[in-house]
Amino acid sequence: MIKNGIKTGRLMFQLAVYFMLLLFIIAFFHRGFSSGLGEVLVNKRFIVPGLSDAGTTSMERAQKHLTEPVTLENCKKGEDLVGRIYVNQSSITWEKLKEELKFIKPGGYFSPPDCTPTVKAAIIIPYRDRDAHLKVFLRQIHPMLRRQKIFFQIFVIEQADENRFNRGKLMNVGFAEALKRLNFSCFIFHDVDLIPEDDRNFYGCHLSPAHMSVAVDKFKYELIYQTLFGGVVMFTKSDFEKVNGFSNAFWGWGAEDDNLYQRLGQNGLVMKRPAIEKARYTMIKHSEAPKSDERFKTLKEAVSHTQKDGLNSLEYRVTDSYEHDLYTKISVNLLRNAPSDSA
């Protein structure tokens, strides 16, 4: 009887120990699995917004994903770059282009899924009636910037009024409107007809201010003059604010980029350029707009108006704004007769 009782007690004790051990193992794996699953969901939400994102804008989703806690390492430049890239200028429908670029989020933004981006870049495109050029540009720029592993968004700033085209003022509008959506650290001001030929030409503001389109096929890949600062230029947010942006006074083609170069010197900044073998661009052939007869007169006058003509005097009216699958389009009236244009 006593021996049987002892055996029974030992058995009960062993069962209790096994049961406690089983509970410990279950708790351990449940905690570890839940933690791991949480990390996977955080990382996955960085790529694909979940149901909880319904009803938010693309930039609200982007801001949310950029600020959510992640365990990914910082992105490293250069791991996926291929160097020279083919410029495909063949026609394509918007439907096929969206299928090619299905990694882009509505509103035209992208964030690397496998690392944490250290750069938030806004690509600003001054625009009017260039649909075919825009498709060629997007087809090239989106995959290139994806390989550069930066967070970026494309902003197409359309001049919707009947005035002569004002490239500089549209750039200022793009800067102001982009910052209303996200605190971008880097800005690339980019003509839509200039298509990059090399993904080693880094759009991440490691140089600022920088002239990016150094070698263009139209000019036999040679720099046509040393102070050239047009086509594609890059600024950090702080540097662009320091020069007060572009002048708003240049209506019609020409000279606003020469004035921007003057602003660098006035503010103690030096223009930088990437290596010419990387800074190569194809210019899409098109009929050029007539040059402004007033451009040299305006250039002479604008050099003394830097402190009062630019971002701090910018006036415009947004007439339409929408999120395309591949870019954010903002249509504006530039208010030709606004006081900022009479400086």
Protein backbone atom coordinates (compact mmCIF):
# COMPACT_ATOMS: atom_id res chain seq x y z
CA MET A 1 0.00 0.00 0.00
CA ILE A 2 2.75 2.42 1.04
CA LYS A 3 4.87 1.54 -1.98
CA ASN A 4 1.90 2.02 -4.30
CA GLY A 5 1.22 5.40 -2.71
CA ILE A 6 4.83 6.46 -3.19
CA LYS A 7 4.74 5.37 -6.82
CA THR A 8 1.48 7.23 -7.37
CA GLY A 9 2.93 10.36 -5.73
CA ARG A 10 6.05 10.20 -7.87
CA LEU A 11 3.93 9.76 -10.99
CA MET A 12 1.75 12.73 -10.06
CA PHE A 13 4.86 14.82 -9.39
CA GLN A 14 6.40 13.85 -12.72
CA LEU A 15 3.16 14.67 -14.53
CA ALA A 16 3.05 18.03 -12.81
CA VAL A 17 6.65 18.77 -13.81
CA TYR A 18 5.97 17.69 -17.40
CA PHE A 19 2.84 19.82 -17.46
CA MET A 20 4.69 22.88 -16.15
CA LEU A 21 7.47 22.30 -18.67
CA LEU A 22 4.90 22.01 -21.47
CA LEU A 23 3.29 25.30 -20.41
CA PHE A 24 6.72 26.98 -20.37
CA ILE A 25 7.54 25.70 -23.86
CA ILE A 26 4.17 26.84 -25.25
CA ALA A 27 4.56 30.29 -23.68
CA PHE A 28 8.12 30.62 -24.99
CA PHE A 29 7.25 29.74 -28.59
CA HIS A 30 4.07 31.79 -28.53
CA ARG A 31 5.98 34.86 -27.40
CA GLY A 32 8.76 34.36 -29.93
CA PHE A 33 6.36 33.60 -32.78
CA SER A 34 4.16 36.58 -31.97
CA SER A 35 7.19 38.87 -31.82
CA GLY A 36 8.51 37.57 -35.11
CA LEU A 37 5.10 37.86 -36.76
CA GLY A 38 4.82 41.42 -35.52
CA GLU A 39 8.12 42.31 -37.18
CA VAL A 40 7.05 40.68 -40.44
CA LEU A 41 3.80 42.61 -40.44
CA VAL A 42 5.58 45.88 -39.72
CA ASN A 43 7.97 45.30 -42.58
CA LYS A 44 5.19 44.15 -44.86
CA ARG A 45 3.07 47.18 -44.04
CA PHE A 46 6.04 49.27 -45.12
CA ILE A 47 5.42 47.82 -48.58
CA VAL A 48 1.69 47.15 -48.83
CA PRO A 49 -0.80 49.25 -46.85
CA GLY A 50 -3.27 47.11 -44.93
CA LEU A 51 -7.01 47.50 -44.54
CA SER A 52 -6.49 50.04 -41.77
CA ASP A 53 -5.03 52.43 -44.41
CA ALA A 54 -8.33 52.69 -46.29
CA GLY A 55 -9.42 56.28 -46.88
CA THR A 56 -5.99 57.84 -46.41
CA THR A 57 -3.94 59.66 -49.04
CA SER A 58 -0.74 58.20 -50.45
CA MET A 59 1.38 60.67 -48.49
CA GLU A 60 -0.42 59.89 -45.24
CA ARG A 61 0.31 56.23 -45.87
CA ALA A 62 3.91 57.01 -46.77
CA GLN A 63 4.39 59.12 -43.65
CA LYS A 64 2.90 56.34 -41.54
CA HIS A 65 5.17 53.71 -43.04
CA LEU A 66 8.27 55.88 -42.70
CA THR A 67 7.63 56.48 -39.01
CA GLU A 68 6.51 52.97 -37.99
CA PRO A 69 9.13 51.06 -35.98
CA VAL A 70 11.14 48.71 -38.18
CA THR A 71 14.08 46.42 -37.59
CA LEU A 72 15.61 46.81 -41.07
CA GLU A 73 19.12 48.13 -41.63
CA ASN A 74 19.68 51.44 -43.42
CA CYS A 75 19.76 51.21 -47.21
CA LYS A 76 23.20 51.08 -48.81
CA LYS A 77 23.86 52.88 -52.08
CA GLY A 78 25.18 50.89 -55.00
CA GLU A 79 24.16 47.31 -54.27
CA ASP A 80 21.62 47.04 -57.14
CA LEU A 81 23.02 49.56 -59.63
CA VAL A 82 23.79 48.45 -63.17
CA GLY A 83 25.50 51.54 -64.64
CA ARG A 84 24.49 52.48 -68.20
CA ILE A 85 20.80 51.94 -68.93
CA TYR A 86 18.95 51.79 -72.23
CA VAL A 87 16.58 54.68 -72.94
CA ASN A 88 13.38 53.26 -74.37
CA GLN A 89 11.56 56.01 -76.27
CA SER A 90 8.94 53.77 -77.88
CA SER A 91 5.29 54.66 -77.37
CA ILE A 92 3.35 52.91 -74.62
CA THR A 93 -0.16 53.16 -73.20
CA TRP A 94 -0.75 54.27 -69.64
CA GLU A 95 -2.28 50.87 -68.87
CA LYS A 96 0.83 48.97 -69.97
CA LEU A 97 3.11 51.45 -68.23
CA LYS A 98 1.22 50.99 -64.95
CA GLU A 99 1.66 47.24 -65.31
CA GLU A 100 5.41 47.66 -65.86
CA LEU A 101 5.69 49.92 -62.82
CA LYS A 102 3.32 48.13 -60.47
CA PHE A 103 5.85 48.48 -57.63
CA ILE A 104 5.02 52.23 -57.52
CA LYS A 105 2.36 53.32 -55.02
CA PRO A 106 -0.55 55.64 -55.98
CA GLY A 107 0.68 59.21 -56.02
CA GLY A 108 4.00 58.12 -57.54
CA TYR A 109 6.00 57.18 -54.46
CA PHE A 110 8.22 54.24 -53.57
CA SER A 111 10.08 53.07 -50.49
CA PRO A 112 12.57 50.18 -50.44
CA PRO A 113 10.97 47.07 -48.89
CA ASP A 114 14.21 45.46 -47.69
CA CYS A 115 15.96 48.37 -45.94
CA THR A 116 15.26 51.69 -44.25
CA PRO A 117 15.80 54.63 -46.68
CA THR A 118 18.06 57.43 -45.48
CA VAL A 119 16.94 59.86 -48.20
CA LYS A 120 13.48 61.30 -48.89
CA ALA A 121 13.60 62.85 -52.35
CA ALA A 122 10.97 64.84 -54.23
CA ILE A 123 11.32 64.90 -58.02
CA ILE A 124 9.76 68.13 -59.33
CA ILE A 125 8.70 68.24 -63.02
CA PRO A 126 7.54 71.56 -64.56
CA TYR A 127 4.93 70.59 -67.11
CA ARG A 128 2.62 71.65 -69.91
CA ASP A 129 1.28 69.40 -72.71
CA ARG A 130 4.06 66.77 -72.70
CA ASP A 131 2.11 63.52 -72.25
CA ALA A 132 4.35 61.40 -74.53
CA HIS A 133 7.52 62.74 -72.88
CA LEU A 134 6.12 62.09 -69.42
CA LYS A 135 5.55 58.41 -70.16
CA VAL A 136 9.11 57.97 -71.44
CA PHE A 137 10.43 59.78 -68.39
CA LEU A 138 8.44 57.73 -65.86
CA ARG A 139 9.35 54.48 -67.59
CA GLN A 140 13.03 55.29 -67.04
CA ILE A 141 13.11 57.17 -63.75
CA HIS A 142 11.02 54.87 -61.56
CA PRO A 143 13.14 51.70 -62.01
CA MET A 144 16.35 53.73 -61.76
CA LEU A 145 15.42 55.37 -58.45
CA ARG A 146 14.13 52.06 -57.14
CA ARG A 147 17.62 50.61 -57.63
CA GLN A 148 19.13 53.60 -55.84
CA LYS A 149 17.19 52.55 -52.72
CA ILE A 150 15.81 55.94 -51.76
CA PHE A 151 12.33 57.00 -50.77
CA PHE A 152 11.05 59.20 -53.59
CA GLN A 153 7.92 60.73 -55.05
CA ILE A 154 7.28 62.26 -58.48
CA PHE A 155 5.46 65.61 -58.59
CA VAL A 156 4.23 66.91 -61.95
CA ILE A 157 3.51 70.64 -61.66
CA GLU A 158 1.30 71.72 -64.55
CA GLN A 159 0.89 75.35 -65.59
CA ALA A 160 -2.84 75.53 -66.29
CA ASP A 161 -3.17 79.24 -67.14
CA GLU A 162 -2.73 80.92 -70.53
CA ASN A 163 0.44 82.84 -69.68
CA ARG A 164 3.86 82.08 -71.11
CA PHE A 165 5.58 79.14 -69.47
CA ASN A 166 7.36 80.03 -66.23
CA ARG A 167 9.70 77.14 -65.43
CA GLY A 168 11.29 78.71 -62.36
CA LYS A 169 8.03 79.57 -60.67
CA LEU A 170 6.67 76.07 -61.31
CA MET A 171 9.76 74.67 -59.57
CA ASN A 172 9.04 76.87 -56.56
CA VAL A 173 5.43 75.68 -56.52
CA GLY A 174 6.62 72.06 -56.61
CA PHE A 175 8.93 72.67 -53.65
CA ALA A 176 6.16 74.29 -51.61
CA GLU A 177 3.50 71.71 -52.47
CA ALA A 178 5.78 68.72 -51.84
CA LEU A 179 6.60 69.99 -48.35
CA LYS A 180 2.88 70.22 -47.57
CA ARG A 181 2.75 66.45 -48.02
CA LEU A 182 6.01 65.22 -46.49
CA ASN A 183 9.18 66.68 -44.97
CA PHE A 184 11.43 65.86 -47.93
CA SER A 185 15.15 66.34 -47.38
CA CYS A 186 16.20 66.33 -51.04
CA PHE A 187 14.77 68.00 -54.17
CA ILE A 188 15.58 67.24 -57.81
CA PHE A 189 14.24 69.83 -60.26
CA HIS A 190 13.96 67.92 -63.52
CA ASP A 191 12.96 68.79 -67.11
CA VAL A 192 10.64 66.11 -68.45
CA ASP A 193 12.53 65.75 -71.75
CA LEU A 194 15.85 64.81 -70.11
CA ILE A 195 16.14 61.05 -69.57
CA PRO A 196 19.00 59.69 -67.41
CA GLU A 197 21.28 57.10 -69.01
CA ASP A 198 23.16 55.86 -65.93
CA ASP A 199 21.78 54.83 -62.54
CA ARG A 200 25.10 55.64 -60.81
CA ASN A 201 24.08 59.31 -61.10
CA PHE A 202 22.71 59.35 -57.56
CA TYR A 203 19.54 61.35 -56.83
CA GLY A 204 20.12 61.44 -53.07
CA CYS A 205 21.61 64.90 -52.40
CA HIS A 206 25.07 63.62 -51.52
CA LEU A 207 26.07 66.66 -53.59
CA SER A 208 24.30 69.98 -53.08
CA PRO A 209 23.72 72.17 -54.88
CA ALA A 210 24.43 70.01 -57.92
CA HIS A 211 24.08 70.22 -61.70
CA MET A 212 23.13 66.66 -62.66
CA SER A 213 22.63 66.80 -66.45
CA VAL A 214 26.29 67.41 -67.31
CA ALA A 215 26.51 65.39 -70.55
CA VAL A 216 23.53 65.49 -72.94
CA ASP A 217 23.40 63.62 -76.25
CA LYS A 218 22.11 66.71 -78.10
CA PHE A 219 25.40 68.47 -77.25
CA LYS A 220 27.56 65.39 -77.97
CA TYR A 221 27.88 64.69 -74.23
CA GLU A 222 29.95 67.82 -73.68
CA LEU A 223 29.35 70.61 -71.19
CA ILE A 224 28.42 73.60 -73.36
CA TYR A 225 29.57 76.24 -70.83
CA GLN A 226 31.07 76.09 -67.35
CA THR A 227 28.32 77.96 -65.47
CA LEU A 228 25.49 75.91 -66.97
CA PHE A 229 22.97 75.13 -64.21
CA GLY A 230 19.86 73.99 -66.08
CA GLY A 231 18.08 70.81 -67.12
CA VAL A 232 18.38 68.75 -63.94
CA VAL A 233 19.57 70.35 -60.68
CA MET A 234 19.58 69.01 -57.13
CA PHE A 235 19.31 70.78 -53.77
CA THR A 236 18.95 69.85 -50.16
CA LYS A 237 15.93 71.52 -48.58
CA SER A 238 18.11 73.91 -46.59
CA ASP A 239 20.27 74.96 -49.57
CA PHE A 240 17.22 75.69 -51.75
CA GLU A 241 15.70 77.80 -48.99
CA LYS A 242 19.04 79.59 -48.55
CA VAL A 243 19.03 80.82 -52.17
CA ASN A 244 15.30 81.67 -51.91
CA GLY A 245 14.51 79.21 -54.69
CA PHE A 246 14.16 80.25 -58.32
CA SER A 247 13.20 83.74 -59.41
CA ASN A 248 9.49 84.05 -60.23
CA ALA A 249 10.12 86.74 -62.86
CA PHE A 250 11.12 84.70 -65.94
CA TRP A 251 8.15 84.29 -68.30
CA GLY A 252 9.00 82.40 -71.47
CA TRP A 253 12.00 80.24 -72.29
CA GLY A 254 15.47 80.94 -70.95
CA ALA A 255 17.78 82.46 -68.31
CA GLU A 256 16.02 81.40 -65.08
CA ASP A 257 18.74 78.77 -64.61
CA ASP A 258 21.47 81.38 -65.13
CA ASN A 259 19.89 83.47 -62.39
CA LEU A 260 19.79 80.41 -60.12
CA TYR A 261 23.54 80.04 -60.61
CA GLN A 262 24.00 83.69 -59.64
CA ARG A 263 22.05 83.01 -56.44
CA LEU A 264 24.56 80.35 -55.43
CA GLY A 265 27.43 82.85 -55.45
CA GLN A 266 25.39 85.46 -53.63
CA ASN A 267 24.80 82.97 -50.80
CA GLY A 268 28.27 81.47 -50.59
CA LEU A 269 27.34 78.14 -52.20
CA VAL A 270 29.39 76.30 -54.81
CA MET A 271 27.86 74.23 -57.60
CA LYS A 272 28.94 70.60 -57.72
CA ARG A 273 28.77 68.10 -60.57
CA PRO A 274 28.88 64.30 -60.65
CA ALA A 275 31.44 62.60 -62.90
CA ILE A 276 30.70 63.26 -66.57
CA GLU A 277 30.74 59.55 -67.44
CA LYS A 278 27.82 59.02 -65.05
CA ALA A 279 25.89 62.27 -65.56
CA ARG A 280 24.66 61.35 -69.05
CA TYR A 281 21.20 62.16 -70.42
CA THR A 282 19.17 61.69 -73.58
CA MET A 283 17.11 64.70 -74.63
CA ILE A 284 13.83 63.74 -76.27
CA LYS A 285 13.50 65.54 -79.59
CA HIS A 286 10.77 68.17 -79.65
CA SER A 287 9.98 71.58 -81.07
CA GLU A 288 11.51 74.20 -78.80
CA ALA A 289 9.43 76.99 -77.34
CA PRO A 290 10.30 80.49 -78.59
CA LYS A 291 12.93 82.22 -76.47
CA SER A 292 11.85 85.18 -74.40
CA ASP A 293 12.97 88.52 -75.85
CA GLU A 294 13.06 89.88 -72.30
CA ARG A 295 15.24 87.15 -70.76
CA PHE A 296 18.53 89.07 -70.71
CA LYS A 297 16.88 92.22 -69.38
CA THR A 298 15.13 90.18 -66.69
CA LEU A 299 18.39 88.39 -65.85
CA LYS A 300 20.17 91.72 -65.36
CA GLU A 301 17.41 93.02 -63.09
CA ALA A 302 16.81 89.81 -61.15
CA VAL A 303 20.36 89.61 -59.79
CA SER A 304 19.59 92.42 -57.35
CA HIS A 305 16.19 91.03 -56.31
CA THR A 306 17.24 87.68 -54.83
CA GLN A 307 16.11 88.51 -51.29
CA LYS A 308 12.59 89.54 -52.32
CA ASP A 309 11.91 87.43 -55.42
CA GLY A 310 11.57 83.68 -54.94
CA LEU A 311 10.10 81.32 -52.35
CA ASN A 312 9.29 84.17 -49.99
CA SER A 313 7.21 86.01 -52.61
CA LEU A 314 5.58 82.98 -54.26
CA GLU A 315 1.91 83.41 -55.16
CA TYR A 316 -0.20 80.91 -57.09
CA ARG A 317 -3.53 79.13 -57.01
CA VAL A 318 -3.98 75.35 -57.19
CA THR A 319 -6.73 74.57 -59.69
CA ASP A 320 -6.56 70.78 -59.49
CA SER A 321 -4.63 68.07 -57.68
CA TYR A 322 -4.88 64.30 -57.96
CA GLU A 323 -2.93 61.13 -57.36
CA HIS A 324 -2.17 59.28 -60.57
CA ASP A 325 -0.94 55.72 -60.20
CA LEU A 326 2.58 56.84 -61.15
CA TYR A 327 2.82 60.48 -60.01
CA THR A 328 1.08 63.29 -58.18
CA LYS A 329 -0.17 66.01 -60.51
CA ILE A 330 -0.77 69.55 -59.28
CA SER A 331 -2.27 72.04 -61.75
CA VAL A 332 -1.81 75.71 -60.93
CA ASN A 333 -2.59 79.22 -62.06
CA LEU A 334 0.65 81.20 -61.66
CA LEU A 335 -1.12 84.56 -61.27
CA ARG A 336 0.88 86.58 -63.78
CA ASN A 337 -0.29 89.90 -62.41
CA ALA A 338 0.52 89.08 -58.78
CA PRO A 339 2.78 91.59 -56.99
CA SER A 340 5.59 89.02 -56.86
CA ASP A 341 5.94 89.27 -60.66
CA SER A 342 6.45 93.01 -60.74
CA ALA A 343 9.71 93.08 -58.79
